[in-house]
PDB file of N, CA and C in Angstrom:
ATOM      1  N   UNK A   1      41.449 -52.601  16.477  1.00  0.00           N
ATOM      2  CA  UNK A   1      40.333 -52.034  15.876  1.00  0.00           C
ATOM      3  C   UNK A   1      39.694 -52.687  14.799  1.00  0.00           C
ATOM      4  N   UNK A   2      38.455 -52.932  14.859  1.00  0.00           N
ATOM      5  CA  UNK A   2      37.760 -53.597  13.721  1.00  0.00           C
ATOM      6  C   UNK A   2      37.559 -52.555  12.664  1.00  0.00           C
ATOM      7  N   UNK A   3      37.503 -53.090  11.384  1.00  0.00           N
ATOM      8  CA  UNK A   3      37.133 -52.159  10.288  1.00  0.00           C
ATOM      9  C   UNK A   3      36.247 -52.938   9.255  1.00  0.00           C
ATOM     10  N   UNK A   4      35.701 -52.087   8.384  1.00  0.00           N
ATOM     11  CA  UNK A   4      34.982 -52.671   7.282  1.00  0.00           C
ATOM     12  C   UNK A   4      35.900 -52.673   6.105  1.00  0.00           C
ATOM     13  N   UNK A   5      35.654 -53.673   5.201  1.00  0.00           N
ATOM     14  CA  UNK A   5      36.421 -53.788   3.972  1.00  0.00           C
ATOM     15  C   UNK A   5      35.684 -53.231   2.763  1.00  0.00           C
ATOM     16  N   UNK A   6      34.639 -52.356   3.007  1.00  0.00           N
ATOM     17  CA  UNK A   6      33.890 -51.738   1.929  1.00  0.00           C
ATOM     18  C   UNK A   6      34.711 -50.909   1.127  1.00  0.00           C
ATOM     19  N   UNK A   7      35.670 -50.205   1.638  1.00  0.00           N
ATOM     20  CA  UNK A   7      36.507 -49.149   0.929  1.00  0.00           C
ATOM     21  C   UNK A   7      37.377 -49.812  -0.084  1.00  0.00           C
ATOM     22  N   UNK A   8      37.581 -51.193   0.059  1.00  0.00           N
ATOM     23  CA  UNK A   8      38.396 -51.805  -1.018  1.00  0.00           C
ATOM     24  C   UNK A   8      37.729 -51.855  -2.349  1.00  0.00           C
ATOM     25  N   UNK A   9      36.413 -51.670  -2.374  1.00  0.00           N
ATOM     26  CA  UNK A   9      35.627 -51.596  -3.765  1.00  0.00           C
ATOM     27  C   UNK A   9      35.625 -50.255  -4.304  1.00  0.00           C
ATOM     28  N   UNK A  10      36.213 -49.296  -3.567  1.00  0.00           N
ATOM     29  CA  UNK A  10      36.267 -47.884  -4.092  1.00  0.00           C
ATOM     30  C   UNK A  10      37.308 -47.945  -5.300  1.00  0.00           C
ATOM     31  N   UNK A  11      37.439 -46.809  -5.963  1.00  0.00           N
ATOM     32  CA  UNK A  11      38.493 -46.716  -7.033  1.00  0.00           C
ATOM     33  C   UNK A  11      39.817 -46.880  -6.491  1.00  0.00           C
ATOM     34  N   UNK A  12      40.089 -46.131  -5.348  1.00  0.00           N
ATOM     35  CA  UNK A  12      41.466 -46.167  -4.909  1.00  0.00           C
ATOM     36  C   UNK A  12      41.796 -47.567  -4.344  1.00  0.00           C
ATOM     37  N   UNK A  13      40.807 -48.261  -3.645  1.00  0.00           N
ATOM     38  CA  UNK A  13      40.875 -49.564  -3.182  1.00  0.00           C
ATOM     39  C   UNK A  13      41.149 -50.548  -4.185  1.00  0.00           C
ATOM     40  N   UNK A  14      40.428 -50.508  -5.283  1.00  0.00           N
ATOM     41  CA  UNK A  14      40.584 -51.410  -6.341  1.00  0.00           C
ATOM     42  C   UNK A  14      42.055 -51.296  -6.935  1.00  0.00           C
ATOM     43  N   UNK A  15      42.390 -50.052  -7.122  1.00  0.00           N
ATOM     44  CA  UNK A  15      43.796 -49.789  -7.714  1.00  0.00           C
ATOM     45  C   UNK A  15      44.878 -50.411  -6.732  1.00  0.00           C
ATOM     46  N   UNK A  16      44.729 -50.115  -5.440  1.00  0.00           N
ATOM     47  CA  UNK A  16      45.620 -50.634  -4.488  1.00  0.00           C
ATOM     48  C   UNK A  16      45.683 -52.181  -4.476  1.00  0.00           C
ATOM     49  N   UNK A  17      44.509 -52.848  -4.691  1.00  0.00           N
ATOM     50  CA  UNK A  17      44.520 -54.353  -4.591  1.00  0.00           C
ATOM     51  C   UNK A  17      45.160 -54.868  -5.865  1.00  0.00           C
ATOM     52  N   UNK A  18      44.921 -54.180  -7.037  1.00  0.00           N
ATOM     53  CA  UNK A  18      45.462 -54.670  -8.294  1.00  0.00           C
ATOM     54  C   UNK A  18      46.965 -54.397  -8.210  1.00  0.00           C
ATOM     55  N   UNK A  19      47.515 -53.347  -7.698  1.00  0.00           N
ATOM     56  CA  UNK A  19      48.894 -53.120  -7.564  1.00  0.00           C
ATOM     57  C   UNK A  19      49.495 -54.184  -6.631  1.00  0.00           C
ATOM     58  N   UNK A  20      48.899 -54.393  -5.514  1.00  0.00           N
ATOM     59  CA  UNK A  20      49.500 -55.320  -4.576  1.00  0.00           C
ATOM     60  C   UNK A  20      49.491 -56.782  -5.291  1.00  0.00           C
ATOM     61  N   UNK A  21      48.443 -57.101  -6.063  1.00  0.00           N
ATOM     62  CA  UNK A  21      48.433 -58.428  -6.764  1.00  0.00           C
ATOM     63  C   UNK A  21      49.736 -58.552  -7.700  1.00  0.00           C
ATOM     64  N   UNK A  22      49.911 -57.398  -8.381  1.00  0.00           N
ATOM     65  CA  UNK A  22      51.076 -57.437  -9.338  1.00  0.00           C
ATOM     66  C   UNK A  22      52.440 -57.581  -8.628  1.00  0.00           C
ATOM     67  N   UNK A  23      52.588 -56.933  -7.435  1.00  0.00           N
ATOM     68  CA  UNK A  23      53.694 -56.963  -6.665  1.00  0.00           C
ATOM     69  C   UNK A  23      53.887 -58.299  -6.078  1.00  0.00           C
ATOM     70  N   UNK A  24      52.820 -59.071  -5.662  1.00  0.00           N
ATOM     71  CA  UNK A  24      52.997 -60.348  -5.146  1.00  0.00           C
ATOM     72  C   UNK A  24      53.374 -61.252  -6.269  1.00  0.00           C
ATOM     73  N   UNK A  25      52.735 -61.127  -7.390  1.00  0.00           N
ATOM     74  CA  UNK A  25      52.977 -62.002  -8.567  1.00  0.00           C
ATOM     75  C   UNK A  25      54.486 -61.861  -9.045  1.00  0.00           C
ATOM     76  N   UNK A  26      54.996 -60.745  -9.012  1.00  0.00           N
ATOM     77  CA  UNK A  26      56.386 -60.513  -9.333  1.00  0.00           C
ATOM     78  C   UNK A  26      57.387 -60.888  -8.319  1.00  0.00           C
ATOM     79  N   UNK A  27      56.840 -61.197  -7.140  1.00  0.00           N
ATOM     80  CA  UNK A  27      57.737 -61.546  -6.009  1.00  0.00           C
ATOM     81  C   UNK A  27      58.364 -60.300  -5.261  1.00  0.00           C
ATOM     82  N   UNK A  28      57.933 -59.147  -5.554  1.00  0.00           N
ATOM     83  CA  UNK A  28      58.511 -57.917  -4.882  1.00  0.00           C
ATOM     84  C   UNK A  28      58.047 -57.836  -3.456  1.00  0.00           C
ATOM     85  N   UNK A  29      56.764 -58.318  -3.185  1.00  0.00           N
ATOM     86  CA  UNK A  29      56.381 -58.284  -1.792  1.00  0.00           C
ATOM     87  C   UNK A  29      55.694 -59.634  -1.511  1.00  0.00           C
ATOM     88  N   UNK A  30      55.705 -60.098  -0.197  1.00  0.00           N
ATOM     89  CA  UNK A  30      54.998 -61.272   0.201  1.00  0.00           C
ATOM     90  C   UNK A  30      53.519 -61.117   0.282  1.00  0.00           C
ATOM     91  N   UNK A  31      52.886 -62.247   0.140  1.00  0.00           N
ATOM     92  CA  UNK A  31      51.407 -62.115   0.327  1.00  0.00           C
ATOM     93  C   UNK A  31      51.031 -61.637   1.720  1.00  0.00           C
ATOM     94  N   UNK A  32      51.695 -61.963   2.755  1.00  0.00           N
ATOM     95  CA  UNK A  32      51.476 -61.509   4.027  1.00  0.00           C
ATOM     96  C   UNK A  32      51.639 -59.975   4.187  1.00  0.00           C
ATOM     97  N   UNK A  33      52.614 -59.460   3.528  1.00  0.00           N
ATOM     98  CA  UNK A  33      52.804 -57.975   3.561  1.00  0.00           C
ATOM     99  C   UNK A  33      51.644 -57.301   2.704  1.00  0.00           C
ATOM    100  N   UNK A  34      51.227 -57.918   1.618  1.00  0.00           N
ATOM    101  CA  UNK A  34      50.017 -57.372   0.890  1.00  0.00           C
ATOM    102  C   UNK A  34      48.774 -57.408   1.810  1.00  0.00           C
ATOM    103  N   UNK A  35      48.484 -58.352   2.584  1.00  0.00           N
ATOM    104  CA  UNK A  35      47.382 -58.410   3.482  1.00  0.00           C
ATOM    105  C   UNK A  35      47.512 -57.352   4.526  1.00  0.00           C
ATOM    106  N   UNK A  36      48.680 -57.114   5.060  1.00  0.00           N
ATOM    107  CA  UNK A  36      48.832 -56.012   6.103  1.00  0.00           C
ATOM    108  C   UNK A  36      48.689 -54.670   5.448  1.00  0.00           C
ATOM    109  N   UNK A  37      49.048 -54.459   4.249  1.00  0.00           N
ATOM    110  CA  UNK A  37      48.779 -53.153   3.615  1.00  0.00           C
ATOM    111  C   UNK A  37      47.306 -52.967   3.388  1.00  0.00           C
ATOM    112  N   UNK A  38      46.531 -54.027   3.050  1.00  0.00           N
ATOM    113  CA  UNK A  38      45.099 -53.881   2.841  1.00  0.00           C
ATOM    114  C   UNK A  38      44.410 -53.600   4.253  1.00  0.00           C
ATOM    115  N   UNK A  39      44.842 -54.325   5.288  1.00  0.00           N
ATOM    116  CA  UNK A  39      44.284 -54.068   6.569  1.00  0.00           C
ATOM    117  C   UNK A  39      44.540 -52.635   7.132  1.00  0.00           C
ATOM    118  N   UNK A  40      45.734 -52.139   6.870  1.00  0.00           N
ATOM    119  CA  UNK A  40      46.092 -50.779   7.139  1.00  0.00           C
ATOM    120  C   UNK A  40      45.310 -49.713   6.382  1.00  0.00           C
ATOM    121  N   UNK A  41      45.046 -50.100   5.083  1.00  0.00           N
ATOM    122  CA  UNK A  41      44.151 -49.249   4.215  1.00  0.00           C
ATOM    123  C   UNK A  41      42.769 -49.122   4.820  1.00  0.00           C
ATOM    124  N   UNK A  42      42.180 -50.260   5.195  1.00  0.00           N
ATOM    125  CA  UNK A  42      40.924 -50.276   5.822  1.00  0.00           C
ATOM    126  C   UNK A  42      40.900 -49.372   7.067  1.00  0.00           C
ATOM    127  N   UNK A  43      41.812 -49.518   7.880  1.00  0.00           N
ATOM    128  CA  UNK A  43      41.864 -48.651   9.112  1.00  0.00           C
ATOM    129  C   UNK A  43      42.077 -47.286   8.815  1.00  0.00           C
ATOM    130  N   UNK A  44      42.910 -46.883   7.911  1.00  0.00           N
ATOM    131  CA  UNK A  44      43.170 -45.538   7.507  1.00  0.00           C
ATOM    132  C   UNK A  44      41.977 -44.902   6.910  1.00  0.00           C
ATOM    133  N   UNK A  45      41.231 -45.562   5.990  1.00  0.00           N
ATOM    134  CA  UNK A  45      40.043 -45.026   5.364  1.00  0.00           C
ATOM    135  C   UNK A  45      38.960 -44.767   6.470  1.00  0.00           C
ATOM    136  N   UNK A  46      38.737 -45.725   7.441  1.00  0.00           N
ATOM    137  CA  UNK A  46      37.787 -45.523   8.450  1.00  0.00           C
ATOM    138  C   UNK A  46      38.126 -44.308   9.358  1.00  0.00           C
ATOM    139  N   UNK A  47      39.386 -44.115   9.675  1.00  0.00           N
ATOM    140  CA  UNK A  47      39.808 -43.030  10.523  1.00  0.00           C
ATOM    141  C   UNK A  47      39.631 -41.804   9.750  1.00  0.00           C
ATOM    142  N   UNK A  48      40.125 -41.787   8.498  1.00  0.00           N
ATOM    143  CA  UNK A  48      39.921 -40.482   7.755  1.00  0.00           C
ATOM    144  C   UNK A  48      38.523 -40.105   7.528  1.00  0.00           C
ATOM    145  N   UNK A  49      37.629 -40.906   7.355  1.00  0.00           N
ATOM    146  CA  UNK A  49      36.344 -40.610   7.070  1.00  0.00           C
ATOM    147  C   UNK A  49      35.624 -40.066   8.481  1.00  0.00           C
ATOM    148  N   UNK A  50      36.086 -40.604   9.494  1.00  0.00           N
ATOM    149  CA  UNK A  50      35.543 -40.203  10.814  1.00  0.00           C
ATOM    150  C   UNK A  50      36.047 -38.847  11.298  1.00  0.00           C
ATOM    151  N   UNK A  51      37.274 -38.590  10.965  1.00  0.00           N
ATOM    152  CA  UNK A  51      37.885 -37.384  11.549  1.00  0.00           C
ATOM    153  C   UNK A  51      38.028 -36.227  10.571  1.00  0.00           C
ATOM    154  N   UNK A  52      38.126 -36.400   9.283  1.00  0.00           N
ATOM    155  CA  UNK A  52      38.421 -35.318   8.341  1.00  0.00           C
ATOM    156  C   UNK A  52      37.248 -34.919   7.489  1.00  0.00           C
ATOM    157  N   UNK A  53      36.177 -35.745   7.293  1.00  0.00           N
ATOM    158  CA  UNK A  53      35.110 -35.367   6.426  1.00  0.00           C
ATOM    159  C   UNK A  53      34.057 -34.642   7.262  1.00  0.00           C
ATOM    160  N   UNK A  54      33.793 -33.451   6.929  1.00  0.00           N
ATOM    161  CA  UNK A  54      32.800 -32.669   7.765  1.00  0.00           C
ATOM    162  C   UNK A  54      31.564 -32.241   6.860  1.00  0.00           C
ATOM    163  N   UNK A  55      31.599 -32.527   5.611  1.00  0.00           N
ATOM    164  CA  UNK A  55      30.557 -32.144   4.642  1.00  0.00           C
ATOM    165  C   UNK A  55      29.214 -32.959   4.966  1.00  0.00           C
ATOM    166  N   UNK A  56      28.100 -32.314   4.658  1.00  0.00           N
ATOM    167  CA  UNK A  56      26.915 -32.977   4.755  1.00  0.00           C
ATOM    168  C   UNK A  56      26.267 -32.866   3.333  1.00  0.00           C
ATOM    169  N   UNK A  57      25.507 -33.935   2.929  1.00  0.00           N
ATOM    170  CA  UNK A  57      24.902 -33.977   1.671  1.00  0.00           C
ATOM    171  C   UNK A  57      23.442 -34.431   1.810  1.00  0.00           C
ATOM    172  N   UNK A  58      22.535 -33.741   1.074  1.00  0.00           N
ATOM    173  CA  UNK A  58      21.116 -34.272   1.071  1.00  0.00           C
ATOM    174  C   UNK A  58      20.969 -35.065  -0.159  1.00  0.00           C
ATOM    175  N   UNK A  59      20.306 -36.151  -0.093  1.00  0.00           N
ATOM    176  CA  UNK A  59      20.050 -37.020  -1.270  1.00  0.00           C
ATOM    177  C   UNK A  59      18.526 -37.187  -1.540  1.00  0.00           C
ATOM    178  N   UNK A  60      18.175 -36.946  -2.673  1.00  0.00           N
ATOM    179  CA  UNK A  60      16.754 -37.079  -3.132  1.00  0.00           C
ATOM    180  C   UNK A  60      16.653 -37.907  -4.396  1.00  0.00           C
ATOM    181  N   UNK A  61      15.825 -38.907  -4.403  1.00  0.00           N
ATOM    182  CA  UNK A  61      15.728 -39.753  -5.560  1.00  0.00           C
ATOM    183  C   UNK A  61      14.603 -40.746  -5.454  1.00  0.00           C
ATOM    184  N   UNK A  62      14.480 -41.634  -6.449  1.00  0.00           N
ATOM    185  CA  UNK A  62      13.533 -42.607  -6.438  1.00  0.00           C
ATOM    186  C   UNK A  62      14.200 -43.952  -6.019  1.00  0.00           C
ATOM    187  N   UNK A  63      13.570 -44.515  -4.912  1.00  0.00           N
ATOM    188  CA  UNK A  63      14.151 -45.753  -4.351  1.00  0.00           C
ATOM    189  C   UNK A  63      13.764 -46.934  -5.302  1.00  0.00           C
ATOM    190  N   UNK A  64      14.702 -47.500  -5.931  1.00  0.00           N
ATOM    191  CA  UNK A  64      14.610 -48.619  -6.929  1.00  0.00           C
ATOM    192  C   UNK A  64      14.579 -50.001  -6.031  1.00  0.00           C
ATOM    193  N   UNK A  65      15.551 -50.199  -5.269  1.00  0.00           N
ATOM    194  CA  UNK A  65      15.731 -51.343  -4.556  1.00  0.00           C
ATOM    195  C   UNK A  65      16.294 -51.054  -3.210  1.00  0.00           C
ATOM    196  N   UNK A  66      16.030 -51.843  -2.100  1.00  0.00           N
ATOM    197  CA  UNK A  66      16.713 -51.745  -0.957  1.00  0.00           C
ATOM    198  C   UNK A  66      16.852 -53.191  -0.300  1.00  0.00           C
ATOM    199  N   UNK A  67      17.793 -53.340   0.575  1.00  0.00           N
ATOM    200  CA  UNK A  67      18.196 -54.574   1.136  1.00  0.00           C
ATOM    201  C   UNK A  67      18.815 -54.441   2.481  1.00  0.00           C
ATOM    202  N   UNK A  68      18.632 -55.170   3.436  1.00  0.00           N
ATOM    203  CA  UNK A  68      19.219 -55.243   4.697  1.00  0.00           C
ATOM    204  C   UNK A  68      19.658 -56.780   5.051  1.00  0.00           C
ATOM    205  N   UNK A  69      20.975 -56.979   4.858  1.00  0.00           N
ATOM    206  CA  UNK A  69      21.476 -58.237   5.197  1.00  0.00           C
ATOM    207  C   UNK A  69      22.822 -58.197   5.975  1.00  0.00           C
ATOM    208  N   UNK A  70      22.945 -58.942   6.986  1.00  0.00           N
ATOM    209  CA  UNK A  70      24.196 -58.910   7.812  1.00  0.00           C
ATOM    210  C   UNK A  70      24.559 -57.544   8.335  1.00  0.00           C
ATOM    211  N   UNK A  71      23.618 -56.776   8.863  1.00  0.00           N
ATOM    212  CA  UNK A  71      23.809 -55.438   9.381  1.00  0.00           C
ATOM    213  C   UNK A  71      24.278 -54.420   8.304  1.00  0.00           C
ATOM    214  N   UNK A  72      23.970 -54.734   7.121  1.00  0.00           N
ATOM    215  CA  UNK A  72      24.353 -53.841   6.040  1.00  0.00           C
ATOM    216  C   UNK A  72      23.147 -53.502   5.156  1.00  0.00           C
ATOM    217  N   UNK A  73      22.927 -52.137   5.066  1.00  0.00           N
ATOM    218  CA  UNK A  73      21.926 -51.616   4.237  1.00  0.00           C
ATOM    219  C   UNK A  73      22.508 -51.341   2.741  1.00  0.00           C
ATOM    220  N   UNK A  74      21.701 -51.685   1.778  1.00  0.00           N
ATOM    221  CA  UNK A  74      22.105 -51.450   0.397  1.00  0.00           C
ATOM    222  C   UNK A  74      20.849 -50.769  -0.187  1.00  0.00           C
ATOM    223  N   UNK A  75      21.043 -49.585  -0.761  1.00  0.00           N
ATOM    224  CA  UNK A  75      19.924 -48.796  -1.503  1.00  0.00           C
ATOM    225  C   UNK A  75      20.416 -48.636  -2.919  1.00  0.00           C
ATOM    226  N   UNK A  76      19.587 -48.805  -3.835  1.00  0.00           N
ATOM    227  CA  UNK A  76      19.745 -48.425  -5.198  1.00  0.00           C
ATOM    228  C   UNK A  76      18.751 -47.336  -5.541  1.00  0.00           C
ATOM    229  N   UNK A  77      19.230 -46.121  -5.905  1.00  0.00           N
ATOM    230  CA  UNK A  77      18.390 -45.045  -6.262  1.00  0.00           C
ATOM    231  C   UNK A  77      18.528 -44.697  -7.609  1.00  0.00           C
ATOM    232  N   UNK A  78      17.466 -44.208  -8.266  1.00  0.00           N
ATOM    233  CA  UNK A  78      17.510 -43.742  -9.669  1.00  0.00           C
ATOM    234  C   UNK A  78      17.177 -42.172  -9.684  1.00  0.00           C
ATOM    235  N   UNK A  79      17.676 -41.486 -10.613  1.00  0.00           N
ATOM    236  CA  UNK A  79      17.569 -40.119 -10.670  1.00  0.00           C
ATOM    237  C   UNK A  79      17.708 -39.414  -9.306  1.00  0.00           C
ATOM    238  N   UNK A  80      18.925 -39.705  -8.784  1.00  0.00           N
ATOM    239  CA  UNK A  80      19.215 -39.240  -7.503  1.00  0.00           C
ATOM    240  C   UNK A  80      19.939 -37.837  -7.545  1.00  0.00           C
ATOM    241  N   UNK A  81      19.557 -37.006  -6.715  1.00  0.00           N
ATOM    242  CA  UNK A  81      20.124 -35.640  -6.716  1.00  0.00           C
ATOM    243  C   UNK A  81      20.883 -35.491  -5.396  1.00  0.00           C
ATOM    244  N   UNK A  82      22.164 -35.187  -5.432  1.00  0.00           N
ATOM    245  CA  UNK A  82      23.036 -34.948  -4.286  1.00  0.00           C
ATOM    246  C   UNK A  82      23.169 -33.435  -4.099  1.00  0.00           C
ATOM    247  N   UNK A  83      22.808 -32.852  -3.040  1.00  0.00           N
ATOM    248  CA  UNK A  83      23.031 -31.457  -2.790  1.00  0.00           C
ATOM    249  C   UNK A  83      23.806 -31.100  -1.529  1.00  0.00           C
ATOM    250  N   UNK A  84      24.807 -30.300  -1.756  1.00  0.00           N
ATOM    251  CA  UNK A  84      25.564 -29.785  -0.588  1.00  0.00           C
ATOM    252  C   UNK A  84      25.446 -28.269  -0.716  1.00  0.00           C
ATOM    253  N   UNK A  85      26.207 -27.566   0.204  1.00  0.00           N
ATOM    254  CA  UNK A  85      26.201 -26.090   0.171  1.00  0.00           C
ATOM    255  C   UNK A  85      26.827 -25.604  -1.035  1.00  0.00           C
ATOM    256  N   UNK A  86      27.803 -26.376  -1.653  1.00  0.00           N
ATOM    257  CA  UNK A  86      28.515 -25.811  -2.784  1.00  0.00           C
ATOM    258  C   UNK A  86      27.952 -26.267  -4.132  1.00  0.00           C
ATOM    259  N   UNK A  87      27.425 -27.500  -4.190  1.00  0.00           N
ATOM    260  CA  UNK A  87      27.104 -28.090  -5.475  1.00  0.00           C
ATOM    261  C   UNK A  87      25.842 -28.912  -5.499  1.00  0.00           C
ATOM    262  N   UNK A  88      25.275 -29.210  -6.615  1.00  0.00           N
ATOM    263  CA  UNK A  88      24.235 -30.115  -6.809  1.00  0.00           C
ATOM    264  C   UNK A  88      24.517 -30.940  -8.010  1.00  0.00           C
ATOM    265  N   UNK A  89      24.342 -32.196  -7.886  1.00  0.00           N
ATOM    266  CA  UNK A  89      24.612 -33.114  -8.896  1.00  0.00           C
ATOM    267  C   UNK A  89      23.543 -34.231  -9.053  1.00  0.00           C
ATOM    268  N   UNK A  90      23.029 -34.612 -10.210  1.00  0.00           N
ATOM    269  CA  UNK A  90      22.125 -35.589 -10.425  1.00  0.00           C
ATOM    270  C   UNK A  90      22.697 -36.770 -11.178  1.00  0.00           C
ATOM    271  N   UNK A  91      22.466 -38.018 -10.674  1.00  0.00           N
ATOM    272  CA  UNK A  91      22.910 -39.236 -11.333  1.00  0.00           C
ATOM    273  C   UNK A  91      21.762 -40.001 -11.682  1.00  0.00           C
ATOM    274  N   UNK A  92      21.792 -40.797 -12.742  1.00  0.00           N
ATOM    275  CA  UNK A  92      20.700 -41.595 -13.249  1.00  0.00           C
ATOM    276  C   UNK A  92      20.575 -42.901 -12.275  1.00  0.00           C
ATOM    277  N   UNK A  93      21.748 -43.400 -11.802  1.00  0.00           N
ATOM    278  CA  UNK A  93      21.597 -44.482 -10.868  1.00  0.00           C
ATOM    279  C   UNK A  93      22.738 -44.555  -9.881  1.00  0.00           C
ATOM    280  N   UNK A  94      22.492 -44.698  -8.683  1.00  0.00           N
ATOM    281  CA  UNK A  94      23.494 -44.732  -7.642  1.00  0.00           C
ATOM    282  C   UNK A  94      23.217 -45.911  -6.608  1.00  0.00           C
ATOM    283  N   UNK A  95      24.321 -46.505  -6.113  1.00  0.00           N
ATOM    284  CA  UNK A  95      24.247 -47.533  -5.119  1.00  0.00           C
ATOM    285  C   UNK A  95      24.845 -46.985  -3.836  1.00  0.00           C
ATOM    286  N   UNK A  96      24.071 -47.024  -2.761  1.00  0.00           N
ATOM    287  CA  UNK A  96      24.570 -46.582  -1.471  1.00  0.00           C
ATOM    288  C   UNK A  96      24.624 -47.892  -0.595  1.00  0.00           C
ATOM    289  N   UNK A  97      25.803 -48.066   0.080  1.00  0.00           N
ATOM    290  CA  UNK A  97      25.952 -49.157   1.060  1.00  0.00           C
ATOM    291  C   UNK A  97      26.318 -48.502   2.397  1.00  0.00           C
ATOM    292  N   UNK A  98      25.518 -48.869   3.416  1.00  0.00           N
ATOM    293  CA  UNK A  98      25.640 -48.315   4.718  1.00  0.00           C
ATOM    294  C   UNK A  98      25.757 -49.353   5.815  1.00  0.00           C
ATOM    295  N   UNK A  99      26.743 -49.147   6.682  1.00  0.00           N
ATOM    296  CA  UNK A  99      26.893 -50.136   7.770  1.00  0.00           C
ATOM    297  C   UNK A  99      26.789 -49.367   9.098  1.00  0.00           C
ATOM    298  N   UNK A 100      26.456 -50.177  10.113  1.00  0.00           N
ATOM    299  CA  UNK A 100      26.345 -49.469  11.472  1.00  0.00           C
ATOM    300  C   UNK A 100      27.700 -49.410  12.120  1.00  0.00           C
ATOM    301  N   UNK A 101      28.179 -48.201  12.352  1.00  0.00           N
ATOM    302  CA  UNK A 101      29.453 -47.875  12.852  1.00  0.00           C
ATOM    303  C   UNK A 101      29.595 -48.492  14.174  1.00  0.00           C
ATOM    304  N   UNK A 102      28.524 -48.729  14.919  1.00  0.00           N
ATOM    305  CA  UNK A 102      28.604 -49.244  16.381  1.00  0.00           C
ATOM    306  C   UNK A 102      29.144 -50.630  16.281  1.00  0.00           C
ATOM    307  N   UNK A 103      29.056 -51.360  15.139  1.00  0.00           N
ATOM    308  CA  UNK A 103      29.641 -52.766  14.948  1.00  0.00           C
ATOM    309  C   UNK A 103      31.144 -52.679  15.121  1.00  0.00           C
ATOM    310  N   UNK A 104      31.857 -51.525  14.964  1.00  0.00           N
ATOM    311  CA  UNK A 104      33.235 -51.414  15.026  1.00  0.00           C
ATOM    312  C   UNK A 104      33.728 -51.203  16.608  1.00  0.00           C
ATOM    313  N   UNK A 105      32.788 -50.999  17.395  1.00  0.00           N
ATOM    314  CA  UNK A 105      33.182 -50.732  18.827  1.00  0.00           C
ATOM    315  C   UNK A 105      33.353 -52.081  19.515  1.00  0.00           C
ATOM    316  N   UNK A 106      34.242 -52.186  20.492  1.00  0.00           N
ATOM    317  CA  UNK A 106      34.438 -53.412  21.258  1.00  0.00           C
ATOM    318  C   UNK A 106      33.124 -53.741  22.115  1.00  0.00           C
ATOM    319  N   UNK A 107      32.874 -54.998  22.257  1.00  0.00           N
ATOM    320  CA  UNK A 107      31.699 -55.407  23.008  1.00  0.00           C
ATOM    321  C   UNK A 107      31.728 -54.741  24.425  1.00  0.00           C
ATOM    322  N   UNK A 108      30.550 -54.575  24.954  1.00  0.00           N
ATOM    323  CA  UNK A 108      30.576 -53.928  26.350  1.00  0.00           C
ATOM    324  C   UNK A 108      30.334 -55.036  27.232  1.00  0.00           C
ATOM    325  N   UNK A 109      30.906 -55.003  28.363  1.00  0.00           N
ATOM    326  CA  UNK A 109      30.773 -56.130  29.356  1.00  0.00           C
ATOM    327  C   UNK A 109      29.437 -56.052  30.086  1.00  0.00           C
TER     328      UNK A 109
END
């Protein structure tokens, strides 16, 4: 199963990476095991977001910058309002990175 490594930049992904770096530096785990853990993290995040997240959010804001490179969209919004059924939150600046999930599927013959 192919995965994206985007989730490694999340707070939990950064903490995991830093912890694995410390464990490798201290000799508690091998670099190979640390890489296996990161690959499993990528798979688990992808699966969890596909199967467990059911919420929908509407986003409104001012588009500051957008970019499309290597099948990845990046949007930077200012004064962005996120609205769901339960809550509404406004942020002064937000970065959204979106990838085509079809890239994770095996090639069709």
